[in-house]
Amino acid sequence: LQDVVDAHTTMCVDMGGFHIWIARYLHSFRARQLLITNGQQT
């Protein structure tokens, strides 16, 4: 995923174990590029 994401890509992430992997290990390049509600259980 990191290799296909550039500064012009927006990512919207759901809730689950996957969101921790993404939040912890995927780099983002600008504000509001990686959208996660985190502990809201949405």
PDB file of all heavy atoms in Angstrom:
ATOM      1  N   LEU A   1       0.837  -1.202   0.000  1.00  0.00           N
ATOM      2  CA  LEU A   1       0.000   0.000   0.000  1.00  0.00           C
ATOM      3  C   LEU A   1       0.872   1.252   0.000  1.00  0.00           C
ATOM      4  O   LEU A   1       0.590   2.227  -0.705  1.00  0.00           O
ATOM      5  CB  LEU A   1      -0.922   0.004   1.223  1.00  0.00           C
ATOM      6  CG  LEU A   1      -2.131  -0.913   1.181  1.00  0.00           C
ATOM      7  CD1 LEU A   1      -2.830  -0.935   2.542  1.00  0.00           C
ATOM      8  CD2 LEU A   1      -3.131  -0.466   0.106  1.00  0.00           C
ATOM      9  N   GLN A   2       1.941   1.223   0.801  1.00  0.00           N
ATOM     10  CA  GLN A   2       2.847   2.366   0.858  1.00  0.00           C
ATOM     11  C   GLN A   2       3.395   2.714  -0.519  1.00  0.00           C
ATOM     12  O   GLN A   2       3.549   3.891  -0.874  1.00  0.00           O
ATOM     13  CB  GLN A   2       4.011   2.050   1.802  1.00  0.00           C
ATOM     14  CG  GLN A   2       4.957   3.217   2.059  1.00  0.00           C
ATOM     15  CD  GLN A   2       4.376   4.227   3.033  1.00  0.00           C
ATOM     16  OE1 GLN A   2       4.286   3.957   4.222  1.00  0.00           O
ATOM     17  NE2 GLN A   2       3.997   5.389   2.538  1.00  0.00           N
ATOM     18  N   ASP A   3       3.657   1.696  -1.318  1.00  0.00           N
ATOM     19  CA  ASP A   3       4.265   1.913  -2.625  1.00  0.00           C
ATOM     20  C   ASP A   3       3.295   2.475  -3.659  1.00  0.00           C
ATOM     21  O   ASP A   3       3.736   2.952  -4.714  1.00  0.00           O
ATOM     22  CB  ASP A   3       4.877   0.603  -3.143  1.00  0.00           C
ATOM     23  CG  ASP A   3       6.126   0.197  -2.381  1.00  0.00           C
ATOM     24  OD1 ASP A   3       6.655   1.034  -1.613  1.00  0.00           O
ATOM     25  OD2 ASP A   3       6.573  -0.953  -2.519  1.00  0.00           O
ATOM     26  N   VAL A   4       1.984   2.407  -3.406  1.00  0.00           N
ATOM     27  CA  VAL A   4       1.026   2.989  -4.357  1.00  0.00           C
ATOM     28  C   VAL A   4       0.440   4.307  -3.848  1.00  0.00           C
ATOM     29  O   VAL A   4      -0.278   4.986  -4.574  1.00  0.00           O
ATOM     30  CB  VAL A   4      -0.130   2.009  -4.694  1.00  0.00           C
ATOM     31  CG1 VAL A   4       0.405   0.747  -5.325  1.00  0.00           C
ATOM     32  CG2 VAL A   4      -0.977   1.690  -3.476  1.00  0.00           C
ATOM     33  N   VAL A   5       0.740   4.667  -2.617  1.00  0.00           N
ATOM     34  CA  VAL A   5       0.242   5.920  -2.037  1.00  0.00           C
ATOM     35  C   VAL A   5       1.257   7.034  -2.301  1.00  0.00           C
ATOM     36  O   VAL A   5       2.438   6.879  -2.019  1.00  0.00           O
ATOM     37  CB  VAL A   5       0.014   5.775  -0.518  1.00  0.00           C
ATOM     38  CG1 VAL A   5      -0.298   7.129   0.109  1.00  0.00           C
ATOM     39  CG2 VAL A   5      -1.109   4.797  -0.243  1.00  0.00           C
ATOM     40  N   ASP A   6       0.780   8.129  -2.870  1.00  0.00           N
ATOM     41  CA  ASP A   6       1.633   9.298  -3.007  1.00  0.00           C
ATOM     42  C   ASP A   6       0.961  10.492  -2.326  1.00  0.00           C
ATOM     43  O   ASP A   6      -0.075  10.341  -1.669  1.00  0.00           O
ATOM     44  CB  ASP A   6       1.961   9.593  -4.474  1.00  0.00           C
ATOM     45  CG  ASP A   6       0.721   9.877  -5.311  1.00  0.00           C
ATOM     46  OD1 ASP A   6      -0.314  10.306  -4.749  1.00  0.00           O
ATOM     47  OD2 ASP A   6       0.772   9.677  -6.544  1.00  0.00           O
ATOM     48  N   ALA A   7       1.534  11.669  -2.480  1.00  0.00           N
ATOM     49  CA  ALA A   7       1.031  12.841  -1.772  1.00  0.00           C
ATOM     50  C   ALA A   7      -0.367  13.245  -2.218  1.00  0.00           C
ATOM     51  O   ALA A   7      -1.043  14.019  -1.533  1.00  0.00           O
ATOM     52  CB  ALA A   7       1.993  14.013  -1.963  1.00  0.00           C
ATOM     53  N   HIS A   8      -0.816  12.730  -3.361  1.00  0.00           N
ATOM     54  CA  HIS A   8      -2.128  13.094  -3.882  1.00  0.00           C
ATOM     55  C   HIS A   8      -3.191  12.028  -3.598  1.00  0.00           C
ATOM     56  O   HIS A   8      -4.310  12.133  -4.085  1.00  0.00           O
ATOM     57  CB  HIS A   8      -2.036  13.336  -5.386  1.00  0.00           C
ATOM     58  CG  HIS A   8      -1.040  14.393  -5.755  1.00  0.00           C
ATOM     59  ND1 HIS A   8      -1.225  15.722  -5.470  1.00  0.00           N
ATOM     60  CD2 HIS A   8       0.168  14.298  -6.365  1.00  0.00           C
ATOM     61  CE1 HIS A   8      -0.177  16.414  -5.894  1.00  0.00           C
ATOM     62  NE2 HIS A   8       0.681  15.575  -6.440  1.00  0.00           N
ATOM     63  N   THR A   9      -2.839  11.021  -2.821  1.00  0.00           N
ATOM     64  CA  THR A   9      -3.775   9.937  -2.499  1.00  0.00           C
ATOM     65  C   THR A   9      -4.329  10.140  -1.094  1.00  0.00           C
ATOM     66  O   THR A   9      -3.575  10.377  -0.153  1.00  0.00           O
ATOM     67  CB  THR A   9      -3.075   8.567  -2.558  1.00  0.00           C
ATOM     68  OG1 THR A   9      -2.378   8.442  -3.800  1.00  0.00           O
ATOM     69  CG2 THR A   9      -4.085   7.438  -2.432  1.00  0.00           C
ATOM     70  N   THR A  10      -5.643  10.028  -0.960  1.00  0.00           N
ATOM     71  CA  THR A  10      -6.281  10.057   0.358  1.00  0.00           C
ATOM     72  C   THR A  10      -6.638   8.632   0.759  1.00  0.00           C
ATOM     73  O   THR A  10      -7.124   7.855  -0.065  1.00  0.00           O
ATOM     74  CB  THR A  10      -7.557  10.920   0.328  1.00  0.00           C
ATOM     75  OG1 THR A  10      -7.206  12.275   0.027  1.00  0.00           O
ATOM     76  CG2 THR A  10      -8.271  10.887   1.680  1.00  0.00           C
ATOM     77  N   MET A  11      -6.385   8.283   2.023  1.00  0.00           N
ATOM     78  CA  MET A  11      -6.725   6.962   2.536  1.00  0.00           C
ATOM     79  C   MET A  11      -7.762   7.086   3.646  1.00  0.00           C
ATOM     80  O   MET A  11      -7.615   7.900   4.562  1.00  0.00           O
ATOM     81  CB  MET A  11      -5.491   6.241   3.071  1.00  0.00           C
ATOM     82  CG  MET A  11      -4.535   5.761   2.000  1.00  0.00           C
ATOM     83  SD  MET A  11      -3.290   4.629   2.669  1.00  0.00           S
ATOM     84  CE  MET A  11      -4.301   3.207   3.063  1.00  0.00           C
ATOM     85  N   CYS A  12      -8.802   6.271   3.566  1.00  0.00           N
ATOM     86  CA  CYS A  12      -9.853   6.217   4.584  1.00  0.00           C
ATOM     87  C   CYS A  12      -9.827   4.827   5.213  1.00  0.00           C
ATOM     88  O   CYS A  12     -10.004   3.833   4.503  1.00  0.00           O
ATOM     89  CB  CYS A  12     -11.223   6.483   3.959  1.00  0.00           C
ATOM     90  SG  CYS A  12     -11.316   8.038   3.039  1.00  0.00           S
ATOM     91  N   VAL A  13      -9.607   4.759   6.516  1.00  0.00           N
ATOM     92  CA  VAL A  13      -9.367   3.477   7.176  1.00  0.00           C
ATOM     93  C   VAL A  13     -10.481   3.165   8.172  1.00  0.00           C
ATOM     94  O   VAL A  13     -10.843   4.004   9.003  1.00  0.00           O
ATOM     95  CB  VAL A  13      -7.996   3.482   7.892  1.00  0.00           C
ATOM     96  CG1 VAL A  13      -7.703   2.123   8.501  1.00  0.00           C
ATOM     97  CG2 VAL A  13      -6.894   3.868   6.907  1.00  0.00           C
ATOM     98  N   ASP A  14     -11.005   1.968   8.076  1.00  0.00           N
ATOM     99  CA  ASP A  14     -12.078   1.479   8.935  1.00  0.00           C
ATOM    100  C   ASP A  14     -11.515   1.063  10.289  1.00  0.00           C
ATOM    101  O   ASP A  14     -10.359   1.339  10.613  1.00  0.00           O
ATOM    102  CB  ASP A  14     -12.769   0.305   8.236  1.00  0.00           C
ATOM    103  CG  ASP A  14     -14.284   0.377   8.345  1.00  0.00           C
ATOM    104  OD1 ASP A  14     -14.791   0.543   9.471  1.00  0.00           O
ATOM    105  OD2 ASP A  14     -14.954   0.251   7.306  1.00  0.00           O
ATOM    106  N   MET A  15     -12.325   0.359  11.071  1.00  0.00           N
ATOM    107  CA  MET A  15     -11.931  -0.117  12.385  1.00  0.00           C
ATOM    108  C   MET A  15     -11.669  -1.622  12.372  1.00  0.00           C
ATOM    109  O   MET A  15     -12.448  -2.382  11.797  1.00  0.00           O
ATOM    110  CB  MET A  15     -13.032   0.175  13.403  1.00  0.00           C
ATOM    111  CG  MET A  15     -13.102   1.613  13.867  1.00  0.00           C
ATOM    112  SD  MET A  15     -11.650   2.111  14.831  1.00  0.00           S
ATOM    113  CE  MET A  15     -10.711   3.008  13.593  1.00  0.00           C
ATOM    114  N   GLY A  16     -10.592  -2.034  13.025  1.00  0.00           N
ATOM    115  CA  GLY A  16     -10.224  -3.442  13.119  1.00  0.00           C
ATOM    116  C   GLY A  16      -8.734  -3.554  13.367  1.00  0.00           C
ATOM    117  O   GLY A  16      -8.025  -2.543  13.441  1.00  0.00           O
ATOM    118  N   GLY A  17      -8.224  -4.779  13.460  1.00  0.00           N
ATOM    119  CA  GLY A  17      -6.799  -4.967  13.676  1.00  0.00           C
ATOM    120  C   GLY A  17      -5.966  -4.308  12.600  1.00  0.00           C
ATOM    121  O   GLY A  17      -4.868  -3.793  12.861  1.00  0.00           O
ATOM    122  N   PHE A  18      -6.464  -4.292  11.367  1.00  0.00           N
ATOM    123  CA  PHE A  18      -5.748  -3.705  10.232  1.00  0.00           C
ATOM    124  C   PHE A  18      -5.464  -2.227  10.462  1.00  0.00           C
ATOM    125  O   PHE A  18      -4.451  -1.705   9.998  1.00  0.00           O
ATOM    126  CB  PHE A  18      -6.553  -3.892   8.941  1.00  0.00           C
ATOM    127  CG  PHE A  18      -7.927  -3.300   9.014  1.00  0.00           C
ATOM    128  CD1 PHE A  18      -8.152  -2.002   8.642  1.00  0.00           C
ATOM    129  CD2 PHE A  18      -8.985  -4.045   9.511  1.00  0.00           C
ATOM    130  CE1 PHE A  18      -9.410  -1.441   8.754  1.00  0.00           C
ATOM    131  CE2 PHE A  18     -10.249  -3.501   9.618  1.00  0.00           C
ATOM    132  CZ  PHE A  18     -10.462  -2.190   9.235  1.00  0.00           C
ATOM    133  N   HIS A  19      -6.366  -1.524  11.166  1.00  0.00           N
ATOM    134  CA  HIS A  19      -6.161  -0.080  11.318  1.00  0.00           C
ATOM    135  C   HIS A  19      -4.962   0.211  12.221  1.00  0.00           C
ATOM    136  O   HIS A  19      -4.286   1.226  12.055  1.00  0.00           O
ATOM    137  CB  HIS A  19      -7.447   0.607  11.821  1.00  0.00           C
ATOM    138  CG  HIS A  19      -7.471   0.970  13.266  1.00  0.00           C
ATOM    139  ND1 HIS A  19      -8.017   0.141  14.223  1.00  0.00           N
ATOM    140  CD2 HIS A  19      -7.020   2.072  13.925  1.00  0.00           C
ATOM    141  CE1 HIS A  19      -7.901   0.727  15.408  1.00  0.00           C
ATOM    142  NE2 HIS A  19      -7.311   1.887  15.267  1.00  0.00           N
ATOM    143  N   ILE A  20      -4.651  -0.701  13.148  1.00  0.00           N
ATOM    144  CA  ILE A  20      -3.458  -0.511  13.980  1.00  0.00           C
ATOM    145  C   ILE A  20      -2.200  -0.723  13.145  1.00  0.00           C
ATOM    146  O   ILE A  20      -1.236   0.044  13.238  1.00  0.00           O
ATOM    147  CB  ILE A  20      -3.479  -1.465  15.190  1.00  0.00           C
ATOM    148  CG1 ILE A  20      -4.737  -1.241  16.032  1.00  0.00           C
ATOM    149  CG2 ILE A  20      -2.221  -1.249  16.043  1.00  0.00           C
ATOM    150  CD1 ILE A  20      -4.858  -2.157  17.222  1.00  0.00           C
ATOM    151  N   TRP A  21      -2.198  -1.757  12.311  1.00  0.00           N
ATOM    152  CA  TRP A  21      -1.049  -1.994  11.434  1.00  0.00           C
ATOM    153  C   TRP A  21      -0.800  -0.791  10.539  1.00  0.00           C
ATOM    154  O   TRP A  21       0.347  -0.362  10.362  1.00  0.00           O
ATOM    155  CB  TRP A  21      -1.276  -3.244  10.583  1.00  0.00           C
ATOM    156  CG  TRP A  21      -1.235  -4.535  11.333  1.00  0.00           C
ATOM    157  CD1 TRP A  21      -2.298  -5.292  11.733  1.00  0.00           C
ATOM    158  CD2 TRP A  21      -0.064  -5.237  11.768  1.00  0.00           C
ATOM    159  NE1 TRP A  21      -1.857  -6.424  12.397  1.00  0.00           N
ATOM    160  CE2 TRP A  21      -0.498  -6.417  12.432  1.00  0.00           C
ATOM    161  CE3 TRP A  21       1.306  -4.996  11.661  1.00  0.00           C
ATOM    162  CZ2 TRP A  21       0.388  -7.342  12.977  1.00  0.00           C
ATOM    163  CZ3 TRP A  21       2.195  -5.919  12.207  1.00  0.00           C
ATOM    164  CH2 TRP A  21       1.728  -7.070  12.862  1.00  0.00           C
ATOM    165  N   ILE A  22      -1.854  -0.222   9.972  1.00  0.00           N
ATOM    166  CA  ILE A  22      -1.703   0.917   9.073  1.00  0.00           C
ATOM    167  C   ILE A  22      -1.284   2.168   9.836  1.00  0.00           C
ATOM    168  O   ILE A  22      -0.360   2.890   9.430  1.00  0.00           O
ATOM    169  CB  ILE A  22      -3.017   1.150   8.297  1.00  0.00           C
ATOM    170  CG1 ILE A  22      -3.231   0.013   7.294  1.00  0.00           C
ATOM    171  CG2 ILE A  22      -2.994   2.504   7.578  1.00  0.00           C
ATOM    172  CD1 ILE A  22      -4.574   0.055   6.589  1.00  0.00           C
ATOM    173  N   ALA A  23      -1.940   2.445  10.961  1.00  0.00           N
ATOM    174  CA  ALA A  23      -1.616   3.645  11.737  1.00  0.00           C
ATOM    175  C   ALA A  23      -0.177   3.615  12.238  1.00  0.00           C
ATOM    176  O   ALA A  23       0.495   4.649  12.313  1.00  0.00           O
ATOM    177  CB  ALA A  23      -2.584   3.773  12.915  1.00  0.00           C
ATOM    178  N   ARG A  24       0.308   2.421  12.554  1.00  0.00           N
ATOM    179  CA  ARG A  24       1.645   2.308  13.138  1.00  0.00           C
ATOM    180  C   ARG A  24       2.753   2.284  12.092  1.00  0.00           C
ATOM    181  O   ARG A  24       3.845   2.826  12.328  1.00  0.00           O
ATOM    182  CB  ARG A  24       1.707   1.032  13.989  1.00  0.00           C
ATOM    183  CG  ARG A  24       2.991   0.892  14.787  1.00  0.00           C
ATOM    184  CD  ARG A  24       2.942  -0.314  15.707  1.00  0.00           C
ATOM    185  NE  ARG A  24       2.014  -0.117  16.821  1.00  0.00           N
ATOM    186  CZ  ARG A  24       1.828  -1.007  17.804  1.00  0.00           C
ATOM    187  NH1 ARG A  24       2.519  -2.141  17.799  1.00  0.00           N
ATOM    188  NH2 ARG A  24       0.977  -0.757  18.763  1.00  0.00           N
ATOM    189  N   TYR A  25       2.486   1.705  10.910  1.00  0.00           N
ATOM    190  CA  TYR A  25       3.583   1.424   9.991  1.00  0.00           C
ATOM    191  C   TYR A  25       3.484   2.092   8.625  1.00  0.00           C
ATOM    192  O   TYR A  25       4.450   2.051   7.866  1.00  0.00           O
ATOM    193  CB  TYR A  25       3.714  -0.096   9.797  1.00  0.00           C
ATOM    194  CG  TYR A  25       4.040  -0.810  11.083  1.00  0.00           C
ATOM    195  CD1 TYR A  25       3.122  -1.656  11.692  1.00  0.00           C
ATOM    196  CD2 TYR A  25       5.265  -0.609  11.718  1.00  0.00           C
ATOM    197  CE1 TYR A  25       3.417  -2.304  12.886  1.00  0.00           C
ATOM    198  CE2 TYR A  25       5.569  -1.247  12.907  1.00  0.00           C
ATOM    199  CZ  TYR A  25       4.643  -2.090  13.489  1.00  0.00           C
ATOM    200  OH  TYR A  25       4.933  -2.714  14.663  1.00  0.00           O
ATOM    201  N   LEU A  26       2.357   2.708   8.276  1.00  0.00           N
ATOM    202  CA  LEU A  26       2.265   3.368   6.978  1.00  0.00           C
ATOM    203  C   LEU A  26       2.528   4.855   7.144  1.00  0.00           C
ATOM    204  O   LEU A  26       1.936   5.504   8.001  1.00  0.00           O
ATOM    205  CB  LEU A  26       0.889   3.135   6.347  1.00  0.00           C
ATOM    206  CG  LEU A  26       0.763   3.582   4.883  1.00  0.00           C
ATOM    207  CD1 LEU A  26       0.008   2.547   4.058  1.00  0.00           C
ATOM    208  CD2 LEU A  26       0.066   4.930   4.782  1.00  0.00           C
ATOM    209  N   HIS A  27       3.419   5.406   6.326  1.00  0.00           N
ATOM    210  CA  HIS A  27       3.772   6.822   6.408  1.00  0.00           C
ATOM    211  C   HIS A  27       2.791   7.641   5.569  1.00  0.00           C
ATOM    212  O   HIS A  27       2.419   7.250   4.467  1.00  0.00           O
ATOM    213  CB  HIS A  27       5.194   7.061   5.880  1.00  0.00           C
ATOM    214  CG  HIS A  27       6.225   6.235   6.574  1.00  0.00           C
ATOM    215  ND1 HIS A  27       7.495   6.063   6.070  1.00  0.00           N
ATOM    216  CD2 HIS A  27       6.185   5.521   7.734  1.00  0.00           C
ATOM    217  CE1 HIS A  27       8.202   5.286   6.889  1.00  0.00           C
ATOM    218  NE2 HIS A  27       7.419   4.947   7.891  1.00  0.00           N
ATOM    219  N   SER A  28       2.393   8.791   6.083  1.00  0.00           N
ATOM    220  CA  SER A  28       1.575   9.718   5.306  1.00  0.00           C
ATOM    221  C   SER A  28       2.376  10.985   5.052  1.00  0.00           C
ATOM    222  O   SER A  28       3.356  11.267   5.743  1.00  0.00           O
ATOM    223  CB  SER A  28       0.260  10.033   6.023  1.00  0.00           C
ATOM    224  OG  SER A  28       0.508  10.569   7.303  1.00  0.00           O
ATOM    225  N   PHE A  29       1.950  11.765   4.042  1.00  0.00           N
ATOM    226  CA  PHE A  29       2.764  12.862   3.553  1.00  0.00           C
ATOM    227  C   PHE A  29       2.176  14.238   3.817  1.00  0.00           C
ATOM    228  O   PHE A  29       2.864  15.238   3.669  1.00  0.00           O
ATOM    229  CB  PHE A  29       2.977  12.703   2.035  1.00  0.00           C
ATOM    230  CG  PHE A  29       3.538  11.364   1.651  1.00  0.00           C
ATOM    231  CD1 PHE A  29       2.692  10.337   1.243  1.00  0.00           C
ATOM    232  CD2 PHE A  29       4.893  11.113   1.716  1.00  0.00           C
ATOM    233  CE1 PHE A  29       3.203   9.106   0.899  1.00  0.00           C
ATOM    234  CE2 PHE A  29       5.406   9.877   1.371  1.00  0.00           C
ATOM    235  CZ  PHE A  29       4.557   8.863   0.957  1.00  0.00           C
ATOM    236  N   ARG A  30       0.911  14.329   4.156  1.00  0.00           N
ATOM    237  CA  ARG A  30       0.287  15.629   4.349  1.00  0.00           C
ATOM    238  C   ARG A  30      -0.844  15.505   5.367  1.00  0.00           C
ATOM    239  O   ARG A  30      -1.292  14.396   5.679  1.00  0.00           O
ATOM    240  CB  ARG A  30      -0.273  16.179   3.022  1.00  0.00           C
ATOM    241  CG  ARG A  30      -1.291  15.261   2.356  1.00  0.00           C
ATOM    242  CD  ARG A  30      -1.921  15.904   1.130  1.00  0.00           C
ATOM    243  NE  ARG A  30      -2.681  14.948   0.343  1.00  0.00           N
ATOM    244  CZ  ARG A  30      -3.924  14.564   0.615  1.00  0.00           C
ATOM    245  NH1 ARG A  30      -4.542  15.049   1.680  1.00  0.00           N
ATOM    246  NH2 ARG A  30      -4.550  13.695  -0.163  1.00  0.00           N
ATOM    247  N   ALA A  31      -1.287  16.641   5.879  1.00  0.00           N
ATOM    248  CA  ALA A  31      -2.402  16.653   6.821  1.00  0.00           C
ATOM    249  C   ALA A  31      -3.661  16.135   6.140  1.00  0.00           C
ATOM    250  O   ALA A  31      -3.912  16.402   4.970  1.00  0.00           O
ATOM    251  CB  ALA A  31      -2.635  18.074   7.332  1.00  0.00           C
ATOM    252  N   ARG A  32      -4.436  15.362   6.895  1.00  0.00           N
ATOM    253  CA  ARG A  32      -5.711  14.804   6.426  1.00  0.00           C
ATOM    254  C   ARG A  32      -5.559  13.876   5.230  1.00  0.00           C
ATOM    255  O   ARG A  32      -6.485  13.698   4.451  1.00  0.00           O
ATOM    256  CB  ARG A  32      -6.723  15.927   6.131  1.00  0.00           C
ATOM    257  CG  ARG A  32      -7.162  16.677   7.371  1.00  0.00           C
ATOM    258  CD  ARG A  32      -8.149  17.775   7.067  1.00  0.00           C
ATOM    259  NE  ARG A  32      -7.547  18.859   6.310  1.00  0.00           N
ATOM    260  CZ  ARG A  32      -6.816  19.831   6.856  1.00  0.00           C
ATOM    261  NH1 ARG A  32      -6.620  19.857   8.157  1.00  0.00           N
ATOM    262  NH2 ARG A  32      -6.302  20.793   6.111  1.00  0.00           N
ATOM    263  N   GLN A  33      -4.381  13.297   5.072  1.00  0.00           N
ATOM    264  CA  GLN A  33      -4.208  12.293   4.024  1.00  0.00           C
ATOM    265  C   GLN A  33      -4.663  10.923   4.498  1.00  0.00           C
ATOM    266  O   GLN A  33      -5.288  10.173   3.754  1.00  0.00           O
ATOM    267  CB  GLN A  33      -2.745  12.206   3.584  1.00  0.00           C
ATOM    268  CG  GLN A  33      -2.526  11.127   2.508  1.00  0.00           C
ATOM    269  CD  GLN A  33      -1.094  11.033   2.045  1.00  0.00           C
ATOM    270  OE1 GLN A  33      -0.167  11.285   2.817  1.00  0.00           O
ATOM    271  NE2 GLN A  33      -0.898  10.687   0.791  1.00  0.00           N
ATOM    272  N   LEU A  34      -4.337  10.586   5.746  1.00  0.00           N
ATOM    273  CA  LEU A  34      -4.694   9.292   6.323  1.00  0.00           C
ATOM    274  C   LEU A  34      -5.793   9.529   7.351  1.00  0.00           C
ATOM    275  O   LEU A  34      -5.548  10.089   8.419  1.00  0.00           O
ATOM    276  CB  LEU A  34      -3.461   8.651   6.969  1.00  0.00           C
ATOM    277  CG  LEU A  34      -3.627   7.253   7.561  1.00  0.00           C
ATOM    278  CD1 LEU A  34      -4.037   6.255   6.491  1.00  0.00           C
ATOM    279  CD2 LEU A  34      -2.341   6.802   8.237  1.00  0.00           C
ATOM    280  N   LEU A  35      -7.006   9.132   7.025  1.00  0.00           N
ATOM    281  CA  LEU A  35      -8.166   9.412   7.855  1.00  0.00           C
ATOM    282  C   LEU A  35      -8.544   8.172   8.660  1.00  0.00           C
ATOM    283  O   LEU A  35      -8.894   7.136   8.090  1.00  0.00           O
ATOM    284  CB  LEU A  35      -9.346   9.856   6.988  1.00  0.00           C
ATOM    285  CG  LEU A  35      -9.056  11.022   6.027  1.00  0.00           C
ATOM    286  CD1 LEU A  35     -10.291  11.345   5.200  1.00  0.00           C
ATOM    287  CD2 LEU A  35      -8.589  12.256   6.790  1.00  0.00           C
ATOM    288  N   ILE A  36      -8.456   8.273   9.989  1.00  0.00           N
ATOM    289  CA  ILE A  36      -8.775   7.165  10.894  1.00  0.00           C
ATOM    290  C   ILE A  36      -9.553   7.726  12.078  1.00  0.00           C
ATOM    291  O   ILE A  36      -9.141   8.724  12.671  1.00  0.00           O
ATOM    292  CB  ILE A  36      -7.508   6.455  11.416  1.00  0.00           C
ATOM    293  CG1 ILE A  36      -6.658   5.915  10.261  1.00  0.00           C
ATOM    294  CG2 ILE A  36      -7.866   5.318  12.359  1.00  0.00           C
ATOM    295  CD1 ILE A  36      -5.372   5.242  10.707  1.00  0.00           C
ATOM    296  N   THR A  37     -10.656   7.095  12.445  1.00  0.00           N
ATOM    297  CA  THR A  37     -11.401   7.548  13.615  1.00  0.00           C
ATOM    298  C   THR A  37     -10.862   6.959  14.910  1.00  0.00           C
ATOM    299  O   THR A  37     -11.336   7.304  15.995  1.00  0.00           O
ATOM    300  CB  THR A  37     -12.888   7.197  13.486  1.00  0.00           C
ATOM    301  OG1 THR A  37     -13.019   5.787  13.304  1.00  0.00           O
ATOM    302  CG2 THR A  37     -13.522   7.923  12.325  1.00  0.00           C
ATOM    303  N   ASN A  38      -9.887   6.075  14.789  1.00  0.00           N
ATOM    304  CA  ASN A  38      -9.149   5.500  15.916  1.00  0.00           C
ATOM    305  C   ASN A  38     -10.074   4.836  16.930  1.00  0.00           C
ATOM    306  O   ASN A  38     -10.729   3.862  16.593  1.00  0.00           O
ATOM    307  CB  ASN A  38      -8.267   6.559  16.568  1.00  0.00           C
ATOM    308  CG  ASN A  38      -7.015   5.950  17.176  1.00  0.00           C
ATOM    309  OD1 ASN A  38      -6.694   4.795  16.903  1.00  0.00           O
ATOM    310  ND2 ASN A  38      -6.310   6.689  17.982  1.00  0.00           N
ATOM    311  N   GLY A  39     -10.201   5.359  18.138  1.00  0.00           N
ATOM    312  CA  GLY A  39     -10.929   4.650  19.186  1.00  0.00           C
ATOM    313  C   GLY A  39     -12.435   4.821  19.157  1.00  0.00           C
ATOM    314  O   GLY A  39     -13.110   4.423  20.115  1.00  0.00           O
ATOM    315  N   GLN A  40     -12.976   5.408  18.103  1.00  0.00           N
ATOM    316  CA  GLN A  40     -14.410   5.685  18.077  1.00  0.00           C
ATOM    317  C   GLN A  40     -15.263   4.461  17.697  1.00  0.00           C
ATOM    318  O   GLN A  40     -16.491   4.525  17.712  1.00  0.00           O
ATOM    319  CB  GLN A  40     -14.701   6.831  17.097  1.00  0.00           C
ATOM    320  CG  GLN A  40     -13.972   8.126  17.433  1.00  0.00           C
ATOM    321  CD  GLN A  40     -14.292   8.614  18.830  1.00  0.00           C
ATOM    322  OE1 GLN A  40     -15.447   8.667  19.237  1.00  0.00           O
ATOM    323  NE2 GLN A  40     -13.245   8.964  19.591  1.00  0.00           N
ATOM    324  N   GLN A  41     -14.619   3.359  17.286  1.00  0.00           N
ATOM    325  CA  GLN A  41     -15.333   2.109  16.988  1.00  0.00           C
ATOM    326  C   GLN A  41     -16.368   2.274  15.871  1.00  0.00           C
ATOM    327  O   GLN A  41     -17.469   1.722  15.931  1.00  0.00           O
ATOM    328  CB  GLN A  41     -16.009   1.564  18.257  1.00  0.00           C
ATOM    329  CG  GLN A  41     -15.061   1.294  19.413  1.00  0.00           C
ATOM    330  CD  GLN A  41     -14.011   0.244  19.090  1.00  0.00           C
ATOM    331  OE1 GLN A  41     -14.323  -0.786  18.502  1.00  0.00           O
ATOM    332  NE2 GLN A  41     -12.771   0.503  19.455  1.00  0.00           N
ATOM    333  N   THR A  42     -16.024   3.035  14.845  1.00  0.00           N
ATOM    334  CA  THR A  42     -16.955   3.324  13.749  1.00  0.00           C
ATOM    335  C   THR A  42     -16.831   2.277  12.651  1.00  0.00           C
ATOM    336  O   THR A  42     -16.427   2.571  11.521  1.00  0.00           O
ATOM    337  CB  THR A  42     -16.679   4.725  13.169  1.00  0.00           C
ATOM    338  OG1 THR A  42     -15.276   4.812  12.865  1.00  0.00           O
ATOM    339  CG2 THR A  42     -17.054   5.800  14.149  1.00  0.00           C
TER     340      THR A  42
END
